[in-house]
Amino acid sequence: MRTLLLFLLISAFTFGIPTVAQDTGDFELARIKYRGGGDWYNDPSALSNLISFTAQQVAIPISPKYKDVALGSSDLFSYPFAFLTGHGNIAVNSSEAQNLRKYLDNGGFLYIDDDYGLDKYARAMMKMVFPEEDMVEIPFSHPIYHQLFNFPNGLPKVHEHDNKPPQGFGIFRKGKLVMFYTYESNLADGWTDPEVHNTPAGLREKSLQMGANILLYALTSF
């Protein structure tokens, strides 16, 4: 399994999908900076811990550090995987929307985790990016739930807010899932250092496993 995934990663980045073969030759991930007042910088340990956990599970040439990249920056095209989270407003202008659209249509992948309060802003942003597309709920049979770890019942629920089930939504382009959005799950809160949210160990493990699935799906599906 590890050999196959490594082969897929090398193949994907050989055939023109955005790459970050920087000084170390490892792929780097991006955390999205956005305007509007929402706390895009929330839980800085989350993505680092996900990278470390995933690297322990599978031989993957990935940098242990990620970069903060502005939504409208051309630097975004250097990163195969972009992560966006927060609690509040996201302000997006037409230039930023077009930049993200081009990124996703040219092989990039965006993962958005609603850390509570982000939902209406995330949906409005994606409607600006793809006005012709709607977010659709991703069925539990989809491969994103069955990479290294099986989640036959969908997302784990890390925090309770409104007594709603966790849901995963996405946008497909030419049959390929290019954006995955987790709602009412607080998945990335489970990636943080244990003392940040005091997430139970078993639930933290589940959240990291699902995060690894998302990351591996993004890096190997092309």
N, C-alpha and C. Protein backbone atom coordinates (compact mmCIF):
# COMPACT_ATOMS: atom_id res chain seq x y z
N MET A 1 0.83 -1.20 0.00
CA MET A 1 0.00 0.00 0.00
C MET A 1 0.87 1.26 0.00
N ARG A 2 1.91 1.29 0.84
CA ARG A 2 2.79 2.44 0.90
C ARG A 2 3.50 2.66 -0.43
N THR A 3 3.97 1.57 -1.06
CA THR A 3 4.66 1.69 -2.34
C THR A 3 3.73 2.23 -3.41
N LEU A 4 2.49 1.75 -3.42
CA LEU A 4 1.52 2.20 -4.42
C LEU A 4 1.24 3.69 -4.24
N LEU A 5 1.04 4.13 -3.02
CA LEU A 5 0.74 5.53 -2.79
C LEU A 5 1.90 6.42 -3.19
N LEU A 6 3.13 5.99 -2.88
CA LEU A 6 4.29 6.77 -3.27
C LEU A 6 4.39 6.86 -4.78
N PHE A 7 4.12 5.75 -5.49
CA PHE A 7 4.13 5.77 -6.95
C PHE A 7 3.10 6.74 -7.49
N LEU A 8 1.90 6.72 -6.91
CA LEU A 8 0.84 7.63 -7.36
C LEU A 8 1.23 9.08 -7.14
N LEU A 9 1.87 9.35 -6.01
CA LEU A 9 2.30 10.72 -5.75
C LEU A 9 3.31 11.18 -6.78
N ILE A 10 4.31 10.36 -7.05
CA ILE A 10 5.33 10.72 -8.03
C ILE A 10 4.71 10.90 -9.40
N SER A 11 3.80 10.00 -9.77
CA SER A 11 3.14 10.09 -11.07
C SER A 11 2.31 11.36 -11.18
N ALA A 12 1.57 11.67 -10.12
CA ALA A 12 0.70 12.85 -10.15
C ALA A 12 1.50 14.11 -10.37
N PHE A 13 2.61 14.24 -9.70
CA PHE A 13 3.37 15.47 -9.79
C PHE A 13 4.29 15.49 -11.01
N THR A 14 4.41 14.37 -11.69
CA THR A 14 5.15 14.34 -12.95
C THR A 14 4.29 14.84 -14.09
N PHE A 15 2.99 14.66 -14.01
CA PHE A 15 2.10 14.98 -15.12
C PHE A 15 1.43 16.34 -14.98
N GLY A 16 2.11 17.29 -14.33
CA GLY A 16 1.69 18.67 -14.42
C GLY A 16 0.80 19.18 -13.31
N ILE A 17 0.46 18.37 -12.33
CA ILE A 17 -0.30 18.86 -11.21
C ILE A 17 0.62 19.75 -10.38
N PRO A 18 0.11 20.83 -9.74
CA PRO A 18 0.97 21.75 -9.01
C PRO A 18 1.92 21.03 -8.08
N THR A 19 3.16 21.47 -8.05
CA THR A 19 4.18 20.81 -7.26
C THR A 19 4.97 21.82 -6.45
N VAL A 20 5.56 21.37 -5.39
CA VAL A 20 6.38 22.22 -4.57
C VAL A 20 7.71 21.58 -4.29
N ALA A 21 8.33 21.07 -5.27
CA ALA A 21 9.65 20.47 -5.08
C ALA A 21 10.62 21.59 -4.78
N GLN A 22 10.60 22.07 -3.52
CA GLN A 22 11.45 23.18 -3.13
C GLN A 22 12.81 22.68 -2.70
N ASP A 23 13.49 23.36 -1.81
CA ASP A 23 14.88 23.04 -1.50
C ASP A 23 15.07 21.60 -1.07
N THR A 24 14.14 21.06 -0.30
CA THR A 24 14.29 19.69 0.21
C THR A 24 13.80 18.64 -0.78
N GLY A 25 13.05 19.04 -1.77
CA GLY A 25 12.45 18.08 -2.69
C GLY A 25 11.14 17.52 -2.17
N ASP A 26 10.72 17.94 -0.96
CA ASP A 26 9.46 17.48 -0.40
C ASP A 26 8.32 18.38 -0.84
N PHE A 27 7.12 17.81 -0.92
CA PHE A 27 5.94 18.60 -1.20
C PHE A 27 5.57 19.40 0.04
N GLU A 28 5.17 20.65 -0.17
CA GLU A 28 4.70 21.48 0.93
C GLU A 28 3.21 21.76 0.77
N LEU A 29 2.55 21.96 1.91
CA LEU A 29 1.13 22.26 1.92
C LEU A 29 0.93 23.73 2.28
N ALA A 30 -0.24 24.25 1.94
CA ALA A 30 -0.55 25.65 2.19
C ALA A 30 -1.75 25.77 3.12
N ARG A 31 -1.66 26.77 4.00
CA ARG A 31 -2.83 27.20 4.77
C ARG A 31 -3.26 28.55 4.20
N ILE A 32 -4.54 28.67 3.91
CA ILE A 32 -5.05 29.85 3.21
C ILE A 32 -5.24 31.03 4.17
N LYS A 33 -4.65 32.16 3.78
CA LYS A 33 -4.93 33.44 4.44
C LYS A 33 -6.04 34.14 3.67
N TYR A 34 -7.03 34.64 4.38
CA TYR A 34 -8.11 35.34 3.69
C TYR A 34 -8.47 36.61 4.44
N ARG A 35 -9.12 37.51 3.73
CA ARG A 35 -9.54 38.78 4.30
C ARG A 35 -10.96 38.66 4.90
N GLY A 36 -11.38 39.69 5.63
CA GLY A 36 -12.74 39.72 6.12
C GLY A 36 -12.89 39.64 7.62
N GLY A 37 -11.81 39.31 8.32
CA GLY A 37 -11.86 39.27 9.77
C GLY A 37 -11.95 37.89 10.39
N GLY A 38 -12.20 36.87 9.59
CA GLY A 38 -12.22 35.51 10.11
C GLY A 38 -10.82 35.07 10.54
N ASP A 39 -10.76 34.20 11.55
CA ASP A 39 -9.46 33.81 12.11
C ASP A 39 -8.85 32.64 11.33
N TRP A 40 -8.32 32.95 10.16
CA TRP A 40 -7.69 31.94 9.30
C TRP A 40 -6.49 31.29 9.99
N TYR A 41 -5.91 31.98 10.96
CA TYR A 41 -4.71 31.54 11.68
C TYR A 41 -5.05 30.61 12.85
N ASN A 42 -6.30 30.28 13.00
CA ASN A 42 -6.78 29.46 14.10
C ASN A 42 -6.07 28.10 14.18
N ASP A 43 -5.77 27.66 15.39
CA ASP A 43 -5.18 26.33 15.64
C ASP A 43 -3.96 26.05 14.77
N PRO A 44 -2.86 26.77 14.97
CA PRO A 44 -1.69 26.60 14.11
C PRO A 44 -1.04 25.23 14.17
N SER A 45 -1.29 24.47 15.25
CA SER A 45 -0.67 23.14 15.34
C SER A 45 -1.41 22.08 14.54
N ALA A 46 -2.63 22.39 14.09
CA ALA A 46 -3.48 21.36 13.46
C ALA A 46 -2.83 20.75 12.22
N LEU A 47 -2.48 21.58 11.27
CA LEU A 47 -1.96 21.06 10.00
C LEU A 47 -0.60 20.40 10.20
N SER A 48 0.23 20.95 11.07
CA SER A 48 1.53 20.33 11.36
C SER A 48 1.36 18.92 11.91
N ASN A 49 0.41 18.77 12.83
CA ASN A 49 0.18 17.45 13.42
C ASN A 49 -0.39 16.47 12.40
N LEU A 50 -1.24 16.95 11.50
CA LEU A 50 -1.76 16.08 10.46
C LEU A 50 -0.65 15.60 9.54
N ILE A 51 0.24 16.50 9.17
CA ILE A 51 1.37 16.13 8.32
C ILE A 51 2.21 15.06 9.00
N SER A 52 2.51 15.27 10.27
CA SER A 52 3.33 14.31 11.01
C SER A 52 2.64 12.95 11.11
N PHE A 53 1.35 12.95 11.43
CA PHE A 53 0.61 11.70 11.54
C PHE A 53 0.58 10.96 10.21
N THR A 54 0.30 11.67 9.13
CA THR A 54 0.21 11.04 7.81
C THR A 54 1.55 10.45 7.41
N ALA A 55 2.63 11.18 7.67
CA ALA A 55 3.97 10.69 7.32
C ALA A 55 4.34 9.43 8.09
N GLN A 56 3.77 9.27 9.27
CA GLN A 56 4.01 8.05 10.05
C GLN A 56 3.27 6.85 9.47
N GLN A 57 2.18 7.12 8.75
CA GLN A 57 1.34 6.04 8.23
C GLN A 57 1.78 5.55 6.86
N VAL A 58 2.38 6.42 6.06
CA VAL A 58 2.70 6.09 4.69
C VAL A 58 3.94 6.84 4.26
N ALA A 59 4.76 6.20 3.44
CA ALA A 59 5.98 6.85 2.93
C ALA A 59 5.57 7.94 1.96
N ILE A 60 5.66 9.18 2.40
CA ILE A 60 5.18 10.29 1.61
C ILE A 60 6.19 11.44 1.68
N PRO A 61 6.64 11.93 0.53
CA PRO A 61 7.66 12.99 0.52
C PRO A 61 7.04 14.36 0.80
N ILE A 62 6.75 14.61 2.06
CA ILE A 62 6.02 15.81 2.43
C ILE A 62 6.79 16.58 3.49
N SER A 63 6.88 17.89 3.33
CA SER A 63 7.60 18.73 4.27
C SER A 63 6.84 18.79 5.60
N PRO A 64 7.54 18.78 6.73
CA PRO A 64 6.85 18.88 8.03
C PRO A 64 6.29 20.28 8.29
N LYS A 65 6.69 21.26 7.50
CA LYS A 65 6.21 22.62 7.67
C LYS A 65 5.28 23.01 6.53
N TYR A 66 4.30 23.84 6.84
CA TYR A 66 3.41 24.35 5.81
C TYR A 66 3.61 25.85 5.66
N LYS A 67 3.07 26.43 4.60
CA LYS A 67 3.20 27.86 4.34
C LYS A 67 1.82 28.52 4.37
N ASP A 68 1.79 29.74 4.89
CA ASP A 68 0.58 30.55 4.84
C ASP A 68 0.56 31.31 3.53
N VAL A 69 -0.50 31.12 2.75
CA VAL A 69 -0.56 31.67 1.40
C VAL A 69 -1.87 32.44 1.22
N ALA A 70 -1.78 33.67 0.73
CA ALA A 70 -2.97 34.49 0.51
C ALA A 70 -3.83 33.91 -0.60
N LEU A 71 -5.11 34.05 -0.44
CA LEU A 71 -6.07 33.47 -1.38
C LEU A 71 -5.85 33.94 -2.81
N GLY A 72 -5.43 35.18 -2.98
CA GLY A 72 -5.25 35.71 -4.32
C GLY A 72 -3.83 35.64 -4.85
N SER A 73 -2.94 34.98 -4.11
CA SER A 73 -1.53 34.96 -4.50
C SER A 73 -1.25 33.91 -5.58
N SER A 74 -0.38 34.25 -6.50
CA SER A 74 0.05 33.27 -7.51
C SER A 74 0.88 32.16 -6.88
N ASP A 75 1.40 32.40 -5.67
CA ASP A 75 2.16 31.36 -4.98
C ASP A 75 1.32 30.12 -4.70
N LEU A 76 0.01 30.28 -4.67
CA LEU A 76 -0.88 29.15 -4.39
C LEU A 76 -0.63 27.98 -5.34
N PHE A 77 -0.23 28.28 -6.58
CA PHE A 77 -0.04 27.24 -7.58
C PHE A 77 1.18 26.37 -7.31
N SER A 78 1.96 26.71 -6.32
CA SER A 78 3.11 25.89 -5.94
C SER A 78 2.75 24.80 -4.95
N TYR A 79 1.50 24.76 -4.50
CA TYR A 79 1.11 23.85 -3.44
C TYR A 79 -0.02 22.93 -3.89
N PRO A 80 0.14 21.62 -3.75
CA PRO A 80 -0.88 20.69 -4.24
C PRO A 80 -2.13 20.62 -3.36
N PHE A 81 -1.99 21.06 -2.10
CA PHE A 81 -3.07 20.93 -1.13
C PHE A 81 -3.15 22.22 -0.34
N ALA A 82 -4.36 22.78 -0.26
CA ALA A 82 -4.57 24.01 0.50
C ALA A 82 -5.66 23.78 1.54
N PHE A 83 -5.43 24.30 2.73
CA PHE A 83 -6.34 24.11 3.87
C PHE A 83 -6.88 25.46 4.31
N LEU A 84 -8.18 25.53 4.54
CA LEU A 84 -8.81 26.77 4.99
C LEU A 84 -9.74 26.46 6.16
N THR A 85 -9.64 27.27 7.20
CA THR A 85 -10.51 27.08 8.36
C THR A 85 -10.76 28.41 9.04
N GLY A 86 -11.51 28.40 10.13
CA GLY A 86 -11.80 29.60 10.88
C GLY A 86 -13.23 29.61 11.39
N HIS A 87 -13.60 30.73 12.03
CA HIS A 87 -14.92 30.86 12.64
C HIS A 87 -15.78 31.94 12.00
N GLY A 88 -15.19 32.84 11.21
CA GLY A 88 -15.96 34.01 10.80
C GLY A 88 -15.88 34.33 9.33
N ASN A 89 -16.02 35.61 9.04
CA ASN A 89 -16.20 36.10 7.68
C ASN A 89 -15.00 35.84 6.76
N ILE A 90 -15.31 35.52 5.52
CA ILE A 90 -14.32 35.44 4.45
C ILE A 90 -14.73 36.47 3.39
N ALA A 91 -13.85 37.43 3.13
CA ALA A 91 -14.11 38.42 2.08
C ALA A 91 -13.31 38.02 0.84
N VAL A 92 -14.00 37.90 -0.28
CA VAL A 92 -13.36 37.46 -1.52
C VAL A 92 -13.73 38.42 -2.65
N ASN A 93 -12.74 38.93 -3.35
CA ASN A 93 -13.03 39.74 -4.52
C ASN A 93 -12.92 38.88 -5.78
N SER A 94 -13.23 39.47 -6.93
CA SER A 94 -13.28 38.70 -8.16
C SER A 94 -11.92 38.15 -8.54
N SER A 95 -10.86 38.90 -8.27
CA SER A 95 -9.51 38.43 -8.59
C SER A 95 -9.14 37.21 -7.76
N GLU A 96 -9.46 37.23 -6.47
CA GLU A 96 -9.18 36.09 -5.60
C GLU A 96 -10.00 34.88 -6.01
N ALA A 97 -11.26 35.11 -6.36
CA ALA A 97 -12.12 34.01 -6.79
C ALA A 97 -11.58 33.37 -8.06
N GLN A 98 -11.14 34.17 -8.99
CA GLN A 98 -10.59 33.64 -10.24
C GLN A 98 -9.29 32.89 -10.00
N ASN A 99 -8.48 33.38 -9.07
CA ASN A 99 -7.23 32.71 -8.75
C ASN A 99 -7.50 31.32 -8.18
N LEU A 100 -8.47 31.23 -7.26
CA LEU A 100 -8.80 29.93 -6.66
C LEU A 100 -9.42 29.01 -7.70
N ARG A 101 -10.26 29.55 -8.56
CA ARG A 101 -10.88 28.74 -9.62
C ARG A 101 -9.80 28.12 -10.51
N LYS A 102 -8.86 28.95 -10.93
CA LYS A 102 -7.78 28.47 -11.80
C LYS A 102 -6.95 27.41 -11.09
N TYR A 103 -6.67 27.64 -9.82
CA TYR A 103 -5.91 26.68 -9.03
C TYR A 103 -6.60 25.32 -8.99
N LEU A 104 -7.89 25.32 -8.70
CA LEU A 104 -8.64 24.06 -8.59
C LEU A 104 -8.83 23.39 -9.94
N ASP A 105 -8.97 24.17 -10.98
CA ASP A 105 -9.15 23.60 -12.31
C ASP A 105 -7.84 23.11 -12.92
N ASN A 106 -6.73 23.41 -12.27
CA ASN A 106 -5.43 22.99 -12.79
C ASN A 106 -4.72 22.01 -11.87
N GLY A 107 -5.51 21.29 -11.06
CA GLY A 107 -4.93 20.19 -10.30
C GLY A 107 -4.80 20.41 -8.81
N GLY A 108 -5.05 21.64 -8.33
CA GLY A 108 -4.98 21.87 -6.90
C GLY A 108 -6.19 21.32 -6.17
N PHE A 109 -6.07 21.21 -4.86
CA PHE A 109 -7.15 20.69 -4.02
C PHE A 109 -7.31 21.59 -2.81
N LEU A 110 -8.56 21.92 -2.49
CA LEU A 110 -8.87 22.75 -1.32
C LEU A 110 -9.69 21.96 -0.33
N TYR A 111 -9.22 21.95 0.93
CA TYR A 111 -10.00 21.37 2.02
C TYR A 111 -10.40 22.50 2.97
N ILE A 112 -11.71 22.61 3.22
CA ILE A 112 -12.26 23.61 4.13
C ILE A 112 -12.88 22.90 5.32
N ASP A 113 -12.50 23.32 6.52
CA ASP A 113 -13.13 22.79 7.73
C ASP A 113 -13.83 23.94 8.45
N ASP A 114 -15.14 23.83 8.60
CA ASP A 114 -15.92 24.81 9.34
C ASP A 114 -15.65 24.62 10.82
N ASP A 115 -14.95 25.61 11.41
CA ASP A 115 -14.65 25.52 12.84
C ASP A 115 -15.75 26.19 13.66
N TYR A 116 -16.92 26.26 13.08
CA TYR A 116 -18.16 26.82 13.62
C TYR A 116 -18.25 28.31 13.30
N GLY A 117 -19.27 28.64 12.54
CA GLY A 117 -19.50 30.02 12.15
C GLY A 117 -18.99 30.37 10.77
N LEU A 118 -18.35 29.42 10.11
CA LEU A 118 -17.76 29.68 8.79
C LEU A 118 -18.70 29.31 7.65
N ASP A 119 -19.75 28.56 7.94
CA ASP A 119 -20.52 27.91 6.89
C ASP A 119 -21.04 28.85 5.81
N LYS A 120 -21.76 29.89 6.18
CA LYS A 120 -22.35 30.74 5.14
C LYS A 120 -21.29 31.48 4.34
N TYR A 121 -20.16 31.76 4.96
CA TYR A 121 -19.09 32.46 4.25
C TYR A 121 -18.35 31.52 3.30
N ALA A 122 -18.13 30.29 3.74
CA ALA A 122 -17.47 29.31 2.88
C ALA A 122 -18.32 29.01 1.66
N ARG A 123 -19.62 28.87 1.87
CA ARG A 123 -20.52 28.58 0.74
C ARG A 123 -20.58 29.76 -0.23
N ALA A 124 -20.62 30.98 0.32
CA ALA A 124 -20.64 32.16 -0.55
C ALA A 124 -19.34 32.28 -1.35
N MET A 125 -18.22 31.98 -0.71
CA MET A 125 -16.94 32.03 -1.40
C MET A 125 -16.91 31.05 -2.57
N MET A 126 -17.34 29.81 -2.32
CA MET A 126 -17.27 28.81 -3.38
C MET A 126 -18.26 29.10 -4.50
N LYS A 127 -19.36 29.78 -4.17
CA LYS A 127 -20.31 30.17 -5.22
C LYS A 127 -19.71 31.28 -6.10
N MET A 128 -18.87 32.11 -5.52
CA MET A 128 -18.15 33.10 -6.32
C MET A 128 -17.12 32.42 -7.22
N VAL A 129 -16.47 31.40 -6.69
CA VAL A 129 -15.43 30.70 -7.44
C VAL A 129 -16.04 29.90 -8.59
N PHE A 130 -17.10 29.17 -8.28
CA PHE A 130 -17.78 28.34 -9.29
C PHE A 130 -19.27 28.66 -9.28
N PRO A 131 -19.69 29.77 -9.87
CA PRO A 131 -21.12 30.13 -9.85
C PRO A 131 -22.01 29.10 -10.52
N GLU A 132 -21.44 28.28 -11.39
CA GLU A 132 -22.22 27.27 -12.11
C GLU A 132 -22.30 25.95 -11.36
N GLU A 133 -21.62 25.85 -10.22
CA GLU A 133 -21.58 24.60 -9.47
C GLU A 133 -22.24 24.76 -8.11
N ASP A 134 -22.79 23.67 -7.59
CA ASP A 134 -23.31 23.62 -6.24
C ASP A 134 -22.51 22.61 -5.43
N MET A 135 -22.35 22.89 -4.15
CA MET A 135 -21.79 21.87 -3.28
C MET A 135 -22.76 20.70 -3.19
N VAL A 136 -22.24 19.50 -3.24
CA VAL A 136 -23.07 18.30 -3.10
C VAL A 136 -22.55 17.49 -1.92
N GLU A 137 -23.45 16.81 -1.24
CA GLU A 137 -23.00 15.97 -0.14
C GLU A 137 -22.30 14.74 -0.70
N ILE A 138 -21.15 14.42 -0.12
CA ILE A 138 -20.33 13.31 -0.61
C ILE A 138 -20.82 12.01 0.03
N PRO A 139 -21.18 11.02 -0.76
CA PRO A 139 -21.68 9.75 -0.18
C PRO A 139 -20.58 9.02 0.58
N PHE A 140 -20.99 8.24 1.57
CA PHE A 140 -20.03 7.53 2.40
C PHE A 140 -19.23 6.49 1.61
N SER A 141 -19.72 6.13 0.43
CA SER A 141 -19.01 5.17 -0.42
C SER A 141 -17.85 5.80 -1.18
N HIS A 142 -17.74 7.13 -1.16
CA HIS A 142 -16.71 7.81 -1.93
C HIS A 142 -15.32 7.44 -1.39
N PRO A 143 -14.33 7.35 -2.28
CA PRO A 143 -12.97 6.94 -1.86
C PRO A 143 -12.34 7.82 -0.78
N ILE A 144 -12.78 9.06 -0.65
CA ILE A 144 -12.16 9.92 0.37
C ILE A 144 -12.38 9.37 1.77
N TYR A 145 -13.42 8.58 1.95
CA TYR A 145 -13.69 7.95 3.24
C TYR A 145 -13.01 6.58 3.39
N HIS A 146 -12.25 6.18 2.38
CA HIS A 146 -11.70 4.81 2.39
C HIS A 146 -10.29 4.79 1.80
N GLN A 147 -9.43 5.66 2.27
CA GLN A 147 -8.04 5.67 1.82
C GLN A 147 -7.23 4.72 2.68
N LEU A 148 -6.46 5.22 3.61
CA LEU A 148 -5.76 4.35 4.56
C LEU A 148 -6.72 3.79 5.61
N PHE A 149 -7.75 4.55 5.92
CA PHE A 149 -8.67 4.19 6.99
C PHE A 149 -10.10 4.22 6.47
N ASN A 150 -10.92 3.29 6.96
CA ASN A 150 -12.31 3.21 6.51
C ASN A 150 -13.23 3.96 7.46
N PHE A 151 -14.07 4.80 6.88
CA PHE A 151 -15.10 5.52 7.63
C PHE A 151 -16.44 5.25 6.96
N PRO A 152 -16.99 4.06 7.17
CA PRO A 152 -18.23 3.67 6.49
C PRO A 152 -19.44 4.52 6.87
N ASN A 153 -19.35 5.22 7.99
CA ASN A 153 -20.45 6.07 8.44
C ASN A 153 -20.11 7.55 8.32
N GLY A 154 -19.10 7.86 7.55
CA GLY A 154 -18.76 9.25 7.32
C GLY A 154 -17.86 9.84 8.39
N LEU A 155 -17.92 11.15 8.52
CA LEU A 155 -17.00 11.90 9.36
C LEU A 155 -17.19 11.65 10.85
N PRO A 156 -16.09 11.66 11.60
CA PRO A 156 -16.23 11.69 13.06
C PRO A 156 -16.68 13.08 13.50
N LYS A 157 -17.37 13.15 14.62
CA LYS A 157 -17.82 14.43 15.16
C LYS A 157 -16.95 14.77 16.36
N VAL A 158 -16.14 15.81 16.23
CA VAL A 158 -15.20 16.16 17.28
C VAL A 158 -15.86 17.03 18.34
N HIS A 159 -16.63 18.04 17.91
CA HIS A 159 -17.32 18.93 18.84
C HIS A 159 -18.80 19.03 18.51
N GLU A 160 -19.61 19.17 19.53
CA GLU A 160 -21.04 19.34 19.37
C GLU A 160 -21.40 20.82 19.47
N HIS A 161 -22.23 21.29 18.52
CA HIS A 161 -22.68 22.67 18.55
C HIS A 161 -24.20 22.76 18.46
N ASP A 162 -24.76 22.27 17.37
CA ASP A 162 -26.18 22.47 17.09
C ASP A 162 -26.97 21.18 16.97
N ASN A 163 -26.43 20.08 17.52
CA ASN A 163 -27.11 18.79 17.46
C ASN A 163 -27.40 18.36 16.02
N LYS A 164 -26.46 18.67 15.14
CA LYS A 164 -26.58 18.26 13.75
C LYS A 164 -25.51 17.21 13.44
N PRO A 165 -25.79 16.29 12.53
CA PRO A 165 -24.78 15.30 12.17
C PRO A 165 -23.66 15.94 11.36
N PRO A 166 -22.45 15.43 11.47
CA PRO A 166 -21.38 15.94 10.62
C PRO A 166 -21.63 15.56 9.16
N GLN A 167 -21.27 16.47 8.27
CA GLN A 167 -21.48 16.23 6.84
C GLN A 167 -20.24 16.65 6.05
N GLY A 168 -20.00 15.93 4.97
CA GLY A 168 -18.94 16.29 4.05
C GLY A 168 -19.54 16.68 2.71
N PHE A 169 -19.19 17.85 2.22
CA PHE A 169 -19.67 18.35 0.94
C PHE A 169 -18.49 18.55 0.00
N GLY A 170 -18.79 18.64 -1.28
CA GLY A 170 -17.71 18.85 -2.23
C GLY A 170 -18.17 19.47 -3.52
N ILE A 171 -17.19 19.84 -4.31
CA ILE A 171 -17.41 20.32 -5.68
C ILE A 171 -16.56 19.48 -6.61
N PHE A 172 -17.19 19.00 -7.67
CA PHE A 172 -16.51 18.20 -8.68
C PHE A 172 -16.30 19.04 -9.94
N ARG A 173 -15.16 18.83 -10.57
CA ARG A 173 -14.87 19.43 -11.87
C ARG A 173 -14.40 18.33 -12.80
N LYS A 174 -15.12 18.14 -13.89
CA LYS A 174 -14.80 17.08 -14.85
C LYS A 174 -14.73 15.73 -14.14
N GLY A 175 -15.63 15.51 -13.21
CA GLY A 175 -15.71 14.24 -12.50
C GLY A 175 -14.75 14.08 -11.34
N LYS A 176 -13.91 15.07 -11.09
CA LYS A 176 -12.90 14.98 -10.03
C LYS A 176 -13.28 15.88 -8.87
N LEU A 177 -13.22 15.34 -7.67
CA LEU A 177 -13.46 16.12 -6.47
C LEU A 177 -12.29 17.07 -6.25
N VAL A 178 -12.53 18.37 -6.31
CA VAL A 178 -11.45 19.36 -6.18
C VAL A 178 -11.55 20.16 -4.88
N MET A 179 -12.71 20.11 -4.22
CA MET A 179 -12.90 20.82 -2.97
C MET A 179 -13.74 19.95 -2.03
N PHE A 180 -13.24 19.77 -0.82
CA PHE A 180 -13.96 18.99 0.19
C PHE A 180 -14.19 19.89 1.39
N TYR A 181 -15.42 19.90 1.90
CA TYR A 181 -15.82 20.80 2.97
C TYR A 181 -16.49 20.00 4.08
N THR A 182 -15.95 20.10 5.29
CA THR A 182 -16.52 19.40 6.42
C THR A 182 -17.30 20.37 7.31
N TYR A 183 -18.54 19.98 7.62
CA TYR A 183 -19.49 20.84 8.33
C TYR A 183 -20.01 20.11 9.56
N GLU A 184 -20.08 20.83 10.68
CA GLU A 184 -20.58 20.28 11.95
C GLU A 184 -19.73 19.09 12.44
N SER A 185 -18.47 19.10 12.07
CA SER A 185 -17.56 18.05 12.49
C SER A 185 -16.44 18.60 13.37
N ASN A 186 -15.94 19.80 13.03
CA ASN A 186 -14.76 20.37 13.70
C ASN A 186 -13.57 19.43 13.60
N LEU A 187 -13.43 18.82 12.43
CA LEU A 187 -12.41 17.79 12.25
C LEU A 187 -11.02 18.29 12.63
N ALA A 188 -10.64 19.47 12.15
CA ALA A 188 -9.28 19.95 12.37
C ALA A 188 -9.00 20.28 13.83
N ASP A 189 -10.05 20.52 14.63
CA ASP A 189 -9.82 20.72 16.07
C ASP A 189 -9.21 19.46 16.68
N GLY A 190 -9.55 18.32 16.12
CA GLY A 190 -9.00 17.07 16.62
C GLY A 190 -7.55 16.84 16.24
N TRP A 191 -7.04 17.63 15.29
CA TRP A 191 -5.62 17.51 14.90
C TRP A 191 -4.70 18.29 15.83
N THR A 192 -5.24 19.25 16.55
CA THR A 192 -4.40 20.14 17.34
C THR A 192 -3.70 19.40 18.47
N ASP A 193 -2.73 20.08 19.07
CA ASP A 193 -2.08 19.51 20.25
C ASP A 193 -3.15 19.15 21.28
N PRO A 194 -2.99 18.02 21.97
CA PRO A 194 -4.07 17.51 22.84
C PRO A 194 -4.60 18.50 23.87
N GLU A 195 -3.73 19.35 24.38
CA GLU A 195 -4.16 20.26 25.45
C GLU A 195 -4.97 21.46 24.94
N VAL A 196 -5.01 21.66 23.63
CA VAL A 196 -5.71 22.83 23.09
C VAL A 196 -7.21 22.71 23.29
N HIS A 197 -7.78 21.57 22.89
CA HIS A 197 -9.23 21.38 23.00
C HIS A 197 -9.62 20.23 23.93
N ASN A 198 -8.61 19.56 24.49
CA ASN A 198 -8.86 18.42 25.37
C ASN A 198 -9.72 17.36 24.71
N THR A 199 -9.48 17.14 23.42
CA THR A 199 -10.20 16.10 22.69
C THR A 199 -9.78 14.72 23.20
N PRO A 200 -10.72 13.84 23.51
CA PRO A 200 -10.37 12.48 23.96
C PRO A 200 -9.43 11.79 22.97
N ALA A 201 -8.52 10.99 23.48
CA ALA A 201 -7.47 10.39 22.66
C ALA A 201 -8.04 9.60 21.49
N GLY A 202 -9.07 8.80 21.75
CA GLY A 202 -9.65 7.98 20.68
C GLY A 202 -10.27 8.82 19.59
N LEU A 203 -10.92 9.90 19.96
CA LEU A 203 -11.55 10.78 18.98
C LEU A 203 -10.49 11.57 18.22
N ARG A 204 -9.45 11.95 18.90
CA ARG A 204 -8.34 12.65 18.23
C ARG A 204 -7.71 11.74 17.18
N GLU A 205 -7.56 10.47 17.52
CA GLU A 205 -7.01 9.50 16.56
C GLU A 205 -7.91 9.39 15.33
N LYS A 206 -9.21 9.32 15.55
CA LYS A 206 -10.15 9.23 14.43
C LYS A 206 -10.07 10.47 13.54
N SER A 207 -9.96 11.63 14.16
CA SER A 207 -9.90 12.86 13.37
C SER A 207 -8.63 12.91 12.54
N LEU A 208 -7.52 12.47 13.09
CA LEU A 208 -6.27 12.42 12.34
C LEU A 208 -6.34 11.39 11.22
N GLN A 209 -6.98 10.27 11.47
CA GLN A 209 -7.14 9.26 10.43
C GLN A 209 -7.96 9.79 9.26
N MET A 210 -9.07 10.48 9.57
CA MET A 210 -9.87 11.05 8.50
C MET A 210 -9.11 12.15 7.77
N GLY A 211 -8.35 12.93 8.52
CA GLY A 211 -7.52 13.95 7.88
C GLY A 211 -6.49 13.36 6.95
N ALA A 212 -5.89 12.25 7.36
CA ALA A 212 -4.92 11.57 6.50
C ALA A 212 -5.60 11.07 5.23
N ASN A 213 -6.82 10.57 5.35
CA ASN A 213 -7.58 10.15 4.17
C ASN A 213 -7.76 11.32 3.20
N ILE A 214 -8.15 12.48 3.73
CA ILE A 214 -8.37 13.65 2.87
C ILE A 214 -7.07 14.05 2.17
N LEU A 215 -6.01 14.10 2.92
CA LEU A 215 -4.71 14.51 2.37
C LEU A 215 -4.24 13.53 1.29
N LEU A 216 -4.33 12.24 1.58
CA LEU A 216 -3.87 11.25 0.60
C LEU A 216 -4.77 11.23 -0.63
N TYR A 217 -6.06 11.40 -0.44
CA TYR A 217 -6.94 11.47 -1.60
C TYR A 217 -6.54 12.65 -2.48
N ALA A 218 -6.31 13.79 -1.86
CA ALA A 218 -5.96 14.99 -2.63
C ALA A 218 -4.66 14.80 -3.41
N LEU A 219 -3.70 14.12 -2.82
CA LEU A 219 -2.38 13.99 -3.44
C LEU A 219 -2.27 12.84 -4.41
N THR A 220 -3.22 11.92 -4.41
CA THR A 220 -3.09 10.76 -5.28
C THR A 220 -4.22 10.61 -6.30
N SER A 221 -5.20 11.47 -6.26
CA SER A 221 -6.33 11.37 -7.21
C SER A 221 -6.13 12.39 -8.32
N PHE A 222 -5.97 11.89 -9.52
CA PHE A 222 -5.70 12.78 -10.65
C PHE A 222 -6.23 12.15 -11.93
